[in-house]
Amino acid sequence: MSKITNGQKAPTFSVNDNNGNLVKLSDFEGKNLVLYFYPKDDTPGCTKEACSFRDSFSEFRNKNIEILGVSRDDEKSHKKFIEKYKLPFRLLTDNNGIICKMYGVLTERSMYGRKYKSINRTTFLIDKTGKIKHVFEKVKPEEHAREILELFKN
C-alpha cells in the first residue's frame, strides 16, 4: 500500500483484541483514536511507549481520545504485557500483518543474514470522522504520549 498521509480516510480494519473481542475502526466513530503500531510486547522501547500512554491515560480519556496498540504478537502475549504493566487500553492482534500492511508499517529487516518482517514504530491519529489527522513516524517511545497530547492543548 502507498504511504498514508494526513487528511486521507483511515483504512478500515476488523481484528481481535487481547481478550479475543472483535474490534473495528467503525467502533470509534465520533472519537479521536490513537492507533499506535509497535514491534513487540515487553521489549524495552515498546514497554516505554506503552507505559507513557498508561501514565497519561486519564488525560487522553478526558479529551475523548481512545488508544489502541497494534503488534503482531498473539492474544496470550498481549494479556501478559497488559497485566505486567497494568495497561488500561486494548492491544490488537495482527498475527498475519494485514493491518500493518494496510497502514504501511511493515518493513523487511535483516539480522545475522536472516531476513524478517518487522513493524516500524508509527502512530496514526485518526479524527472523529475516520480521517488521518496526523502520522507520527520515528517515534521516541518515552516522549510520544506527551507529543500527541500537545496537539490537543486547546
Protein backbone atom coordinates (compact mmCIF):
# COMPACT_ATOMS: atom_id res chain seq x y z
CA MET A 1 0.00 0.00 0.00
CA SER A 2 1.11 3.55 -0.62
CA LYS A 3 2.08 5.81 2.22
CA ILE A 4 -0.82 7.11 4.33
CA THR A 5 -0.99 10.88 4.66
CA ASN A 6 -2.87 13.47 6.69
CA GLY A 7 -6.45 14.07 5.56
CA GLN A 8 -6.82 10.65 3.96
CA LYS A 9 -9.57 8.26 5.10
CA ALA A 10 -8.10 5.73 7.57
CA PRO A 11 -8.03 2.16 6.25
CA THR A 12 -10.79 0.15 7.90
CA PHE A 13 -9.95 -2.93 9.90
CA SER A 14 -11.58 -5.70 11.86
CA VAL A 15 -9.34 -7.72 14.19
CA ASN A 16 -9.32 -9.30 17.65
CA ASP A 17 -8.02 -7.58 20.75
CA ASN A 18 -6.13 -9.10 23.69
CA ASN A 19 -9.38 -10.65 25.01
CA GLY A 20 -10.46 -12.14 21.69
CA ASN A 21 -13.11 -9.45 21.13
CA LEU A 22 -13.60 -8.16 17.60
CA VAL A 23 -12.53 -4.53 17.20
CA LYS A 24 -13.40 -2.46 14.11
CA LEU A 25 -12.35 1.04 13.16
CA SER A 26 -16.04 1.96 12.90
CA ASP A 27 -16.36 1.30 16.67
CA PHE A 28 -14.59 4.63 17.20
CA GLU A 29 -16.75 6.95 15.11
CA GLY A 30 -17.21 10.22 16.98
CA LYS A 31 -13.96 9.79 18.93
CA ASN A 32 -10.36 10.61 18.25
CA LEU A 33 -8.24 7.47 18.09
CA VAL A 34 -4.55 6.89 18.69
CA LEU A 35 -3.65 3.81 16.67
CA TYR A 36 -0.06 3.03 17.51
CA PHE A 37 1.99 0.27 15.92
CA TYR A 38 4.90 -1.20 17.84
CA PRO A 39 7.30 -4.09 17.13
CA LYS A 40 6.96 -6.46 20.12
CA ASP A 41 5.38 -6.84 23.55
CA ASP A 42 7.58 -6.44 26.63
CA THR A 43 10.69 -5.15 24.88
CA PRO A 44 12.46 -2.01 26.14
CA GLY A 45 11.23 0.62 23.66
CA CYS A 46 7.75 -0.87 23.34
CA THR A 47 7.37 -1.01 27.12
CA LYS A 48 8.44 2.66 27.47
CA GLU A 49 5.92 3.69 24.84
CA ALA A 50 3.05 1.65 26.33
CA CYS A 51 3.80 2.93 29.83
CA SER A 52 3.86 6.54 28.60
CA PHE A 53 0.34 6.02 27.25
CA ARG A 54 -0.65 4.31 30.53
CA ASP A 55 0.71 7.18 32.63
CA SER A 56 -1.21 9.76 30.53
CA PHE A 57 -4.32 7.64 30.06
CA SER A 58 -6.66 9.84 32.11
CA GLU A 59 -5.64 12.90 30.07
CA PHE A 60 -6.44 11.04 26.85
CA ARG A 61 -9.80 9.94 28.25
CA ASN A 62 -10.64 13.49 29.36
CA LYS A 63 -10.08 14.62 25.77
CA ASN A 64 -12.27 11.80 24.37
CA ILE A 65 -9.25 10.08 22.79
CA GLU A 66 -9.14 6.28 22.61
CA ILE A 67 -5.86 4.37 22.45
CA LEU A 68 -5.22 1.09 20.62
CA GLY A 69 -1.84 -0.59 20.31
CA VAL A 70 -1.11 -2.95 17.40
CA SER A 71 1.61 -5.55 17.04
CA ARG A 72 1.94 -8.99 15.50
CA ASP A 73 2.00 -10.65 18.93
CA ASP A 74 -0.80 -13.05 19.87
CA GLU A 75 -3.54 -12.60 22.47
CA LYS A 76 -1.61 -14.52 25.14
CA SER A 77 1.43 -12.27 24.75
CA HIS A 78 -0.76 -9.14 24.82
CA LYS A 79 -2.52 -10.32 28.00
CA LYS A 80 0.81 -10.86 29.78
CA PHE A 81 2.07 -7.45 28.63
CA ILE A 82 -1.12 -5.71 29.80
CA GLU A 83 -1.09 -7.49 33.18
CA LYS A 84 2.61 -6.93 33.82
CA TYR A 85 2.44 -3.17 33.18
CA LYS A 86 -1.23 -2.56 34.11
CA LEU A 87 -2.05 -1.12 30.71
CA PRO A 88 -5.59 0.38 30.69
CA PHE A 89 -6.11 0.15 26.91
CA ARG A 90 -6.54 -2.68 24.43
CA LEU A 91 -3.90 -4.23 22.21
CA LEU A 92 -4.85 -5.58 18.80
CA THR A 93 -3.52 -8.86 17.47
CA ASP A 94 -2.31 -8.63 13.88
CA ASN A 95 -0.57 -12.03 13.59
CA ASN A 96 -0.74 -12.11 9.80
CA GLY A 97 0.23 -8.45 9.39
CA ILE A 98 -2.92 -7.41 7.48
CA ILE A 99 -3.45 -4.14 9.39
CA CYS A 100 0.28 -3.45 9.35
CA LYS A 101 0.29 -3.80 5.57
CA MET A 102 -2.80 -1.58 5.17
CA TYR A 103 -1.12 1.15 7.21
CA GLY A 104 2.26 0.64 5.54
CA VAL A 105 4.25 0.00 8.72
CA LEU A 106 5.87 -3.36 7.86
CA THR A 107 9.45 -3.32 6.76
CA GLU A 108 11.95 -6.00 5.88
CA ARG A 109 14.96 -6.18 8.15
CA SER A 110 17.99 -8.40 8.31
CA MET A 111 19.83 -9.81 11.31
CA TYR A 112 22.75 -12.23 11.06
CA GLY A 113 21.90 -12.73 7.38
CA ARG A 114 18.31 -13.72 8.12
CA LYS A 115 15.57 -11.54 6.65
CA TYR A 116 12.34 -10.92 8.53
CA LYS A 117 9.38 -8.51 8.58
CA SER A 118 9.15 -6.05 11.44
CA ILE A 119 6.93 -3.14 12.38
CA ASN A 120 8.23 0.41 12.09
CA ARG A 121 7.13 2.19 15.26
CA THR A 122 4.45 4.50 13.83
CA THR A 123 1.32 6.17 15.21
CA PHE A 124 -1.76 7.35 13.37
CA LEU A 125 -4.03 9.89 14.98
CA ILE A 126 -7.49 9.33 13.49
CA ASP A 127 -10.11 12.02 13.96
CA LYS A 128 -13.80 11.69 14.84
CA THR A 129 -14.74 11.32 11.17
CA GLY A 130 -12.29 8.50 10.46
CA LYS A 131 -9.67 10.60 8.68
CA ILE A 132 -5.96 10.65 9.40
CA LYS A 133 -5.26 13.78 11.41
CA HIS A 134 -1.54 13.16 11.95
CA VAL A 135 1.08 10.50 11.23
CA PHE A 136 3.94 10.11 13.68
CA GLU A 137 6.99 8.34 12.29
CA LYS A 138 10.32 7.77 14.01
CA VAL A 139 8.57 7.85 17.37
CA LYS A 140 10.56 8.44 20.57
CA PRO A 141 8.81 5.98 22.91
CA GLU A 142 9.20 7.82 26.21
CA GLU A 143 8.02 11.20 24.82
CA HIS A 144 5.30 10.02 22.49
CA ALA A 145 2.17 10.37 24.65
CA ARG A 146 3.10 13.97 25.53
CA GLU A 147 3.75 14.72 21.86
CA ILE A 148 0.23 13.59 20.95
CA LEU A 149 -1.42 15.44 23.84
CA GLU A 150 0.30 18.65 22.71
CA LEU A 151 -1.88 18.55 19.58
CA PHE A 152 -4.97 18.73 21.81
CA LYS A 153 -3.90 21.56 24.13
CA ASN A 154 -6.76 23.88 23.22
